[in-house]
């Protein structure tokens, strides 16, 4: 007993020294150190606590991500941990009156050996609102540039409505839903799936990835018609006759005089002119120019449209009408011939009494002035000679024969002209 209690002070000092040595050795071999991890996601649990009340929540200020977490633990523990071992959760069951939820940060490995965990933030901030829904009409647009000679035709979507749900403030901020397809370089029809984008009233795209926002469809099939284009002239069919003493000059001014049309290649390739028939092109009784406007779209063939979106299809048309004049020309009988034969007989124009006939022509001054009488020819047919003289067959003699004149377009004979023809028996 005396041995145990003898020198107790020395023994106590030895014990304390031994503990200190053990502590120093332990910490030297496996000291407490720290490690810092960044951007740790927070898993939110029991969100139904809010959604079951007909409400939705959104995370504010990115508070569902912890910018940094510092862990203090022995070196051996730290060396065996990685960022994937950090588990951060926020249980909405513990939602505070300020709409914040405390973050619980643990590790799924060696948690009992960790001295402490210090996160840079410890709450998730939420915005809690009433849930709202609405339906929007889907619109489709195109971007980019087609190859030369092609334009966009019809753009359609296989579904024309989208239904969105989410926080009331977000839903109220949505102004439209649209899809866009890049058509750069295309020369044939396009069919593709495109993402639906929501926009606010200022045309800014909205983020639909935030919690609580849902769409019944996120993509839609878009069909885009690509049409070939080309310019073709416009031709107007004028009907009726101007008043007596007036005639069409043949000149028609049109603005535009040609149009850009669009359609499938198989249709466009066979279209060379746009022919216009319209009631407003009737010049009956006119004594001056006809001026009108015409909707050219009514004359477009099936499957063809205008290729210029800025053109409304209206053309301004002027049909020119001029005063008719008349002038008499002397035509040599040598310019008149007989058409047809009768066996055993010679038939020819008789020039024994006169070598010229008078031909009075009517027409616009410009057309009359262009006439050269030497170039005017005429013919009479054997059949016309018979009918004109009420004969069934020709016999030798001299007969009156009507003349059909070969005259330029735009001029007319004022009255009929006839000549004598001789029928002579061949020797």
Protein backbone atom coordinates (compact mmCIF):
# COMPACT_ATOMS: atom_id res chain seq x y z
CA UNK A 1 0.00 0.00 0.00
CA UNK A 2 2.80 2.35 0.79
CA UNK A 3 4.35 1.50 -2.55
CA UNK A 4 1.21 2.59 -4.42
CA UNK A 5 0.88 5.88 -2.58
CA UNK A 6 4.55 6.58 -2.38
CA UNK A 7 5.73 9.37 -4.69
CA UNK A 8 2.20 9.99 -5.86
CA UNK A 9 3.07 13.41 -7.23
CA UNK A 10 5.72 11.97 -9.48
CA UNK A 11 3.35 9.27 -10.65
CA UNK A 12 0.63 11.81 -11.44
CA UNK A 13 3.08 13.88 -13.41
CA UNK A 14 4.14 10.80 -15.33
CA UNK A 15 0.52 10.03 -16.20
CA UNK A 16 -0.13 13.54 -17.44
CA UNK A 17 3.06 13.42 -19.47
CA UNK A 18 2.00 10.10 -21.02
CA UNK A 19 -1.40 11.55 -22.04
CA UNK A 20 0.26 14.57 -23.58
CA UNK A 21 2.70 12.35 -25.48
CA UNK A 22 -0.20 10.17 -26.71
CA UNK A 23 -2.14 13.22 -27.83
CA UNK A 24 0.86 14.66 -29.64
CA UNK A 25 1.69 11.37 -31.33
CA UNK A 26 -1.92 10.86 -32.36
CA UNK A 27 -2.25 14.33 -33.88
CA UNK A 28 1.08 14.16 -35.57
CA UNK A 29 0.20 10.86 -37.24
CA UNK A 30 -3.47 11.71 -38.07
CA UNK A 31 -4.05 15.41 -37.47
CA UNK A 32 -7.40 17.26 -37.86
CA UNK A 33 -7.45 19.09 -41.19
CA UNK A 34 -10.11 20.78 -43.34
CA UNK A 35 -11.23 20.57 -46.94
CA UNK A 36 -13.53 22.89 -48.88
CA UNK A 37 -16.01 21.81 -51.53
CA UNK A 38 -17.96 24.20 -53.78
CA UNK A 39 -21.38 24.29 -55.47
CA UNK A 40 -23.11 21.67 -53.40
CA UNK A 41 -26.71 21.06 -54.59
CA UNK A 42 -29.49 20.92 -52.03
CA UNK A 43 -32.18 18.29 -52.39
CA UNK A 44 -35.61 19.61 -51.45
CA UNK A 45 -37.83 17.06 -49.69
CA UNK A 46 -41.57 16.87 -49.11
CA UNK A 47 -42.51 19.48 -51.72
CA UNK A 48 -46.02 18.05 -51.63
CA UNK A 49 -46.56 19.93 -48.36
CA UNK A 50 -46.96 23.00 -50.59
CA UNK A 51 -48.37 21.47 -53.79
CA UNK A 52 -51.14 19.62 -51.94
CA UNK A 53 -52.52 23.04 -50.99
CA UNK A 54 -52.85 24.08 -54.65
CA UNK A 55 -49.67 26.13 -54.39
CA UNK A 56 -46.26 26.01 -56.04
CA UNK A 57 -42.86 27.17 -54.93
CA UNK A 58 -39.80 28.52 -56.63
CA UNK A 59 -36.31 28.76 -55.18
CA UNK A 60 -35.02 32.29 -54.81
CA UNK A 61 -31.51 33.57 -55.44
CA UNK A 62 -30.16 30.12 -56.31
CA UNK A 63 -30.29 29.24 -52.62
CA UNK A 64 -30.70 25.54 -53.44
CA UNK A 65 -26.99 25.50 -54.17
CA UNK A 66 -24.46 25.99 -51.34
CA UNK A 67 -21.51 27.90 -52.68
CA UNK A 68 -19.05 26.17 -50.31
CA UNK A 69 -18.97 23.51 -47.58
CA UNK A 70 -15.92 23.14 -45.30
CA UNK A 71 -15.36 19.82 -43.49
CA UNK A 72 -13.03 19.35 -40.50
CA UNK A 73 -11.89 15.78 -39.80
CA UNK A 74 -8.79 13.63 -39.36
CA UNK A 75 -6.56 13.46 -42.38
CA UNK A 76 -7.39 9.82 -42.97
CA UNK A 77 -11.10 10.65 -43.11
CA UNK A 78 -10.61 13.68 -45.31
CA UNK A 79 -8.51 11.68 -47.72
CA UNK A 80 -11.31 9.15 -48.18
CA UNK A 81 -14.04 11.73 -48.84
CA UNK A 82 -15.10 13.37 -52.10
CA UNK A 83 -17.74 15.92 -53.04
CA UNK A 84 -20.17 13.14 -53.89
CA UNK A 85 -20.17 12.09 -50.22
CA UNK A 86 -21.72 15.38 -49.15
CA UNK A 87 -25.50 15.23 -48.79
CA UNK A 88 -27.45 18.50 -48.40
CA UNK A 89 -31.22 18.42 -47.89
CA UNK A 90 -33.97 20.88 -47.07
CA UNK A 91 -37.23 19.49 -45.69
CA UNK A 92 -40.21 21.69 -46.62
CA UNK A 93 -42.05 20.19 -43.69
CA UNK A 94 -39.95 22.62 -41.65
CA UNK A 95 -40.92 25.69 -43.73
CA UNK A 96 -40.67 28.84 -41.64
CA UNK A 97 -43.05 31.79 -41.63
CA UNK A 98 -40.48 33.61 -43.73
CA UNK A 99 -40.66 30.86 -46.39
CA UNK A 100 -37.18 29.58 -45.59
CA UNK A 101 -36.09 25.99 -45.00
CA UNK A 102 -33.02 25.02 -42.97
CA UNK A 103 -30.38 23.06 -44.83
CA UNK A 104 -29.05 19.89 -43.22
CA UNK A 105 -25.55 18.98 -44.41
CA UNK A 106 -24.09 15.54 -43.63
CA UNK A 107 -21.83 13.01 -45.26
CA UNK A 108 -22.86 9.53 -46.27
CA UNK A 109 -19.48 8.22 -45.14
CA UNK A 110 -17.54 8.47 -41.83
CA UNK A 111 -20.01 11.01 -40.50
CA UNK A 112 -19.33 9.94 -36.90
CA UNK A 113 -15.61 10.71 -37.34
CA UNK A 114 -16.12 14.24 -38.70
CA UNK A 115 -15.39 16.99 -36.21
CA UNK A 116 -17.58 19.65 -37.85
CA UNK A 117 -19.18 20.75 -41.15
CA UNK A 118 -19.53 24.45 -41.93
CA UNK A 119 -21.71 25.42 -44.97
CA UNK A 120 -21.52 28.94 -46.41
CA UNK A 121 -25.35 29.14 -46.26
CA UNK A 122 -27.84 27.27 -44.15
CA UNK A 123 -31.30 28.05 -45.57
CA UNK A 124 -33.16 27.69 -48.86
CA UNK A 125 -35.30 30.71 -49.68
CA UNK A 126 -38.63 29.99 -51.35
CA UNK A 127 -41.32 31.98 -53.05
CA UNK A 128 -44.68 30.33 -52.45
CA UNK A 129 -47.61 31.25 -54.69
CA UNK A 130 -50.98 30.07 -55.82
CA UNK A 131 -50.77 27.68 -58.76
CA UNK A 132 -52.24 28.97 -62.05
CA UNK A 133 -52.75 27.54 -65.53
CA UNK A 134 -53.64 28.80 -68.98
CA UNK A 135 -53.66 27.71 -72.60
CA UNK A 136 -51.82 29.54 -75.37
CA UNK A 137 -52.08 29.38 -79.14
CA UNK A 138 -48.86 28.13 -80.69
CA UNK A 139 -47.24 30.28 -83.37
CA UNK A 140 -44.38 29.26 -85.65
CA UNK A 141 -41.65 31.42 -87.15
CA UNK A 142 -38.61 30.85 -89.32
CA UNK A 143 -35.13 32.30 -89.19
CA UNK A 144 -32.12 32.20 -91.49
CA UNK A 145 -31.97 32.65 -95.26
CA UNK A 146 -33.20 30.28 -97.97
CA UNK A 147 -31.25 29.63 -101.16
CA UNK A 148 -31.83 32.16 -103.94
CA UNK A 149 -35.04 31.60 -105.88
CA UNK A 150 -37.00 30.14 -102.97
CA UNK A 151 -39.39 31.51 -100.36
CA UNK A 152 -41.29 30.27 -97.33
CA UNK A 153 -44.82 29.04 -98.03
CA UNK A 154 -47.20 27.73 -95.38
CA UNK A 155 -45.78 27.15 -91.89
CA UNK A 156 -47.93 24.85 -89.74
CA UNK A 157 -47.64 23.00 -86.45
CA UNK A 158 -49.19 19.59 -85.81
CA UNK A 159 -50.56 20.92 -82.50
CA UNK A 160 -51.81 24.46 -82.19
CA UNK A 161 -52.21 24.85 -78.41
CA UNK A 162 -49.99 24.43 -75.34
CA UNK A 163 -51.13 24.40 -71.71
CA UNK A 164 -48.81 25.78 -69.04
CA UNK A 165 -48.99 25.62 -65.25
CA UNK A 166 -46.91 27.21 -62.52
CA UNK A 167 -46.64 30.11 -60.10
CA UNK A 168 -49.35 32.67 -60.75
CA UNK A 169 -46.86 35.51 -61.25
CA UNK A 170 -44.98 33.49 -63.85
CA UNK A 171 -48.10 32.36 -65.70
CA UNK A 172 -49.40 35.94 -65.79
CA UNK A 173 -46.11 37.10 -67.32
CA UNK A 174 -46.39 34.71 -70.30
CA UNK A 175 -47.65 36.52 -73.39
CA UNK A 176 -47.13 33.97 -76.15
CA UNK A 177 -45.79 30.53 -77.02
CA UNK A 178 -43.81 30.04 -80.20
CA UNK A 179 -41.39 27.79 -82.05
CA UNK A 180 -38.71 28.82 -84.51
CA UNK A 181 -36.98 26.81 -87.27
CA UNK A 182 -33.75 27.78 -89.03
CA UNK A 183 -34.30 27.38 -92.81
CA UNK A 184 -30.84 28.44 -93.99
CA UNK A 185 -29.90 26.82 -97.30
CA UNK A 186 -33.07 24.71 -97.74
CA UNK A 187 -34.65 24.17 -101.17
CA UNK A 188 -37.31 21.60 -100.27
CA UNK A 189 -40.04 21.19 -97.67
CA UNK A 190 -39.02 20.86 -94.01
CA UNK A 191 -40.54 18.70 -91.29
CA UNK A 192 -38.89 18.88 -87.89
CA UNK A 193 -39.51 18.89 -84.12
CA UNK A 194 -38.90 22.28 -82.47
CA UNK A 195 -38.74 23.35 -78.82
CA UNK A 196 -41.58 25.53 -77.56
CA UNK A 197 -40.40 28.83 -76.08
CA UNK A 198 -42.51 31.07 -73.84
CA UNK A 199 -42.18 34.86 -74.14
CA UNK A 200 -43.22 37.83 -72.05
CA UNK A 201 -44.99 40.90 -73.42
CA UNK A 202 -41.66 42.48 -74.42
CA UNK A 203 -40.65 39.45 -76.47
CA UNK A 204 -38.10 38.16 -73.97
CA UNK A 205 -37.82 34.36 -73.57
CA UNK A 206 -38.80 32.99 -70.15
CA UNK A 207 -37.05 30.27 -68.15
CA UNK A 208 -39.39 27.28 -67.87
CA UNK A 209 -36.87 25.11 -65.99
CA UNK A 210 -37.64 26.67 -62.62
CA UNK A 211 -39.47 24.55 -60.06
CA UNK A 212 -43.23 24.42 -60.37
CA UNK A 213 -43.46 25.33 -64.06
CA UNK A 214 -44.84 22.66 -66.36
CA UNK A 215 -46.04 22.39 -69.98
CA UNK A 216 -48.23 19.66 -71.41
CA UNK A 217 -45.91 19.56 -74.45
CA UNK A 218 -42.38 20.90 -74.78
CA UNK A 219 -41.78 20.23 -78.49
CA UNK A 220 -44.04 20.24 -81.53
CA UNK A 221 -43.76 19.02 -85.11
CA UNK A 222 -43.37 21.92 -87.56
CA UNK A 223 -44.00 21.58 -91.30
CA UNK A 224 -42.58 24.29 -93.57
CA UNK A 225 -43.40 24.60 -97.25
CA UNK A 226 -40.52 25.77 -99.45
CA UNK A 227 -41.65 27.28 -102.76
CA UNK A 228 -39.70 28.06 -105.94
CA UNK A 229 -40.08 31.56 -107.39
CA UNK A 230 -39.72 33.29 -110.75
CA UNK A 231 -40.77 36.50 -112.51
CA UNK A 232 -43.37 36.30 -115.28
CA UNK A 233 -44.99 39.06 -117.41
CA UNK A 234 -48.66 40.01 -117.08
CA UNK A 235 -50.89 39.81 -120.18
CA UNK A 236 -54.34 41.47 -120.28
CA UNK A 237 -57.18 40.23 -122.48
CA UNK A 238 -59.23 43.28 -123.54
CA UNK A 239 -62.84 42.73 -124.61
CA UNK A 240 -65.38 44.82 -126.50
CA UNK A 241 -64.95 47.49 -129.17
CA UNK A 242 -64.45 51.23 -128.61
CA UNK A 243 -67.02 53.72 -129.92
CA UNK A 244 -67.28 54.29 -133.67
CA UNK A 245 -64.29 56.24 -134.90
CA UNK A 246 -62.01 54.89 -132.15
CA UNK A 247 -59.77 51.85 -131.86
CA UNK A 248 -57.38 50.11 -129.51
CA UNK A 249 -53.82 51.27 -130.02
CA UNK A 250 -52.48 47.95 -128.82
CA UNK A 251 -50.58 49.65 -126.02
CA UNK A 252 -51.36 48.56 -122.45
CA UNK A 253 -49.43 49.94 -119.48
CA UNK A 254 -49.42 47.94 -116.27
CA UNK A 255 -47.87 48.61 -112.88
CA UNK A 256 -46.39 46.14 -112.22
CA UNK A 257 -45.74 44.76 -115.69
CA UNK A 258 -44.36 41.51 -114.24
CA UNK A 259 -44.89 39.68 -110.96
CA UNK A 260 -42.91 37.30 -108.78
CA UNK A 261 -44.85 34.07 -108.43
CA UNK A 262 -44.18 31.10 -106.18
CA UNK A 263 -45.20 27.46 -106.19
CA UNK A 264 -43.96 23.91 -106.45
CA UNK A 265 -41.30 23.40 -109.11
CA UNK A 266 -43.61 21.18 -111.16
CA UNK A 267 -46.18 24.01 -111.33
CA UNK A 268 -43.85 26.97 -111.76
CA UNK A 269 -41.82 25.38 -114.55
CA UNK A 270 -44.82 25.42 -116.92
CA UNK A 271 -45.91 28.98 -116.14
CA UNK A 272 -44.52 31.63 -118.51
CA UNK A 273 -47.15 34.39 -118.39
CA UNK A 274 -49.97 35.51 -116.10
CA UNK A 275 -53.05 35.92 -118.31
CA UNK A 276 -55.70 38.26 -116.91
CA UNK A 277 -59.37 38.13 -117.90
CA UNK A 278 -61.39 40.71 -116.03
CA UNK A 279 -64.73 42.43 -116.55
CA UNK A 280 -63.09 45.81 -116.01
CA UNK A 281 -61.13 45.33 -119.26
CA UNK A 282 -64.25 45.82 -121.41
CA UNK A 283 -63.70 48.87 -123.68
CA UNK A 284 -67.15 48.82 -125.27
CA UNK A 285 -68.18 52.39 -126.27
CA UNK A 286 -64.98 54.03 -125.00
CA UNK A 287 -63.75 57.20 -126.68
CA UNK A 288 -60.67 57.56 -124.51
CA UNK A 289 -58.19 55.49 -122.54
CA UNK A 290 -59.53 52.92 -120.09
CA UNK A 291 -57.94 53.18 -116.63
CA UNK A 292 -58.63 50.57 -113.96
CA UNK A 293 -57.21 48.59 -111.06
CA UNK A 294 -57.28 44.80 -111.08
CA UNK A 295 -56.76 42.18 -108.37
CA UNK A 296 -54.22 39.90 -110.05
CA UNK A 297 -54.60 37.23 -107.37
CA UNK A 298 -57.90 36.19 -109.02
CA UNK A 299 -55.93 35.17 -112.12
CA UNK A 300 -53.34 33.03 -110.33
CA UNK A 301 -53.45 29.34 -111.30
CA UNK A 302 -54.18 26.79 -108.58
CA UNK A 303 -51.11 26.13 -106.45
CA UNK A 304 -49.47 29.45 -107.33
CA UNK A 305 -49.10 32.48 -105.06
CA UNK A 306 -47.23 35.76 -105.16
CA UNK A 307 -43.61 35.47 -104.14
CA UNK A 308 -43.32 38.96 -102.67
CA UNK A 309 -44.99 39.28 -99.27
CA UNK A 310 -45.10 43.09 -99.69
CA UNK A 311 -47.16 42.88 -102.89
CA UNK A 312 -50.94 43.03 -102.29
CA UNK A 313 -51.84 41.74 -105.76
CA UNK A 314 -53.29 45.00 -107.11
CA UNK A 315 -52.22 46.26 -110.55
CA UNK A 316 -52.91 49.65 -112.14
CA UNK A 317 -53.78 49.24 -115.83
CA UNK A 318 -54.18 51.71 -118.70
CA UNK A 319 -55.60 50.50 -122.04
CA UNK A 320 -54.88 53.11 -124.72
CA UNK A 321 -57.58 54.05 -127.26
CA UNK A 322 -56.97 56.33 -130.23
CA UNK A 323 -58.96 58.11 -132.93
CA UNK A 324 -59.53 56.19 -136.17
CA UNK A 325 -58.53 57.89 -139.46
CA UNK A 326 -58.96 56.69 -143.03
CA UNK A 327 -56.88 56.94 -146.16
CA UNK A 328 -57.26 55.67 -149.71
CA UNK A 329 -54.40 53.81 -151.40
CA UNK A 330 -53.97 52.90 -155.05
CA UNK A 331 -53.09 49.24 -155.37
CA UNK A 332 -51.68 47.80 -158.58
CA UNK A 333 -53.81 45.01 -160.07
CA UNK A 334 -50.56 43.12 -160.47
CA UNK A 335 -50.69 42.63 -156.64
CA UNK A 336 -53.96 40.73 -157.01
CA UNK A 337 -54.01 37.02 -157.85
CA UNK A 338 -56.60 34.29 -158.46
CA UNK A 339 -56.66 31.31 -156.16
CA UNK A 340 -57.85 28.02 -157.62
CA UNK A 341 -58.09 26.50 -161.09
CA UNK A 342 -60.71 25.25 -163.52
CA UNK A 343 -59.56 22.51 -165.87
CA UNK A 344 -59.28 23.71 -169.47
CA UNK A 345 -59.50 27.39 -168.57
CA UNK A 346 -57.12 30.22 -167.80
CA UNK A 347 -58.33 32.68 -165.14
CA UNK A 348 -56.61 36.02 -164.57
CA UNK A 349 -57.24 39.58 -163.34
CA UNK A 350 -58.23 41.76 -166.27
CA UNK A 351 -56.22 44.98 -166.42
CA UNK A 352 -57.46 46.11 -169.79
CA UNK A 353 -59.60 48.92 -168.35
CA UNK A 354 -57.55 49.97 -165.33
CA UNK A 355 -54.23 48.96 -163.82
CA UNK A 356 -54.99 50.09 -160.23
CA UNK A 357 -57.82 49.80 -157.74
CA UNK A 358 -58.62 52.16 -154.87
CA UNK A 359 -58.53 50.69 -151.36
CA UNK A 360 -59.72 52.82 -148.43
CA UNK A 361 -58.29 51.72 -145.09
CA UNK A 362 -59.18 52.81 -141.57
CA UNK A 363 -57.05 52.64 -138.46
CA UNK A 364 -54.97 54.59 -135.99
CA UNK A 365 -52.81 57.27 -137.55
CA UNK A 366 -49.63 55.45 -136.54
CA UNK A 367 -50.79 52.27 -138.28
CA UNK A 368 -52.01 54.08 -141.41
CA UNK A 369 -48.72 55.96 -141.72
CA UNK A 370 -46.83 52.68 -141.64
CA UNK A 371 -48.59 51.30 -144.73
CA UNK A 372 -46.68 50.88 -147.99
CA UNK A 373 -49.24 50.26 -150.80
CA UNK A 374 -46.68 48.30 -152.80
CA UNK A 375 -46.69 45.66 -150.04
CA UNK A 376 -50.46 45.19 -150.02
CA UNK A 377 -51.67 42.12 -151.87
CA UNK A 378 -55.08 40.67 -152.56
CA UNK A 379 -56.61 37.40 -153.72
CA UNK A 380 -59.87 36.19 -155.17
CA UNK A 381 -60.93 32.58 -155.11
CA UNK A 382 -62.64 30.69 -157.91
CA UNK A 383 -65.33 29.65 -155.45
CA UNK A 384 -65.93 33.33 -154.55
CA UNK A 385 -66.24 34.26 -158.23
CA UNK A 386 -68.91 31.57 -158.70
CA UNK A 387 -70.94 32.57 -155.62
CA UNK A 388 -70.58 36.32 -156.23
CA UNK A 389 -71.93 35.91 -159.78
CA UNK A 390 -74.49 33.26 -158.80
CA UNK A 391 -72.93 30.66 -161.09
CA UNK A 392 -72.54 26.92 -160.77
CA UNK A 393 -69.63 26.71 -163.20
CA UNK A 394 -67.34 29.06 -165.07
CA UNK A 395 -67.52 29.58 -168.79
CA UNK A 396 -65.43 31.90 -170.94
CA UNK A 397 -66.12 35.54 -170.20
CA UNK A 398 -65.41 38.44 -167.83
CA UNK A 399 -66.73 38.43 -164.27
CA UNK A 400 -66.71 40.64 -161.19
CA UNK A 401 -64.65 39.15 -158.38
CA UNK A 402 -64.46 40.23 -154.69
CA UNK A 403 -60.98 40.76 -153.23
CA UNK A 404 -59.67 39.57 -149.88
CA UNK A 405 -56.84 41.90 -148.87
CA UNK A 406 -53.65 41.02 -147.01
CA UNK A 407 -53.23 44.13 -144.86
CA UNK A 408 -51.26 44.86 -141.66
CA UNK A 409 -52.79 44.28 -138.24
CA UNK A 410 -54.56 47.28 -136.80
CA UNK A 411 -56.08 48.53 -140.06
CA UNK A 412 -59.39 47.65 -141.69
CA UNK A 413 -61.01 47.94 -145.10
CA UNK A 414 -63.74 50.57 -145.09
CA UNK A 415 -65.67 48.91 -147.90
CA UNK A 416 -65.44 45.93 -150.21
CA UNK A 417 -63.38 46.16 -153.41
CA UNK A 418 -63.84 44.05 -156.51
CA UNK A 419 -62.02 43.61 -159.83
CA UNK A 420 -62.72 42.04 -163.19
CA UNK A 421 -61.41 38.61 -163.92
CA UNK A 422 -61.31 36.98 -167.35
CA UNK A 423 -61.96 33.33 -167.96
CA UNK A 424 -60.40 32.11 -171.20
CA UNK A 425 -60.48 28.68 -172.72
CA UNK A 426 -57.07 27.18 -173.12
CA UNK A 427 -56.03 26.46 -176.69
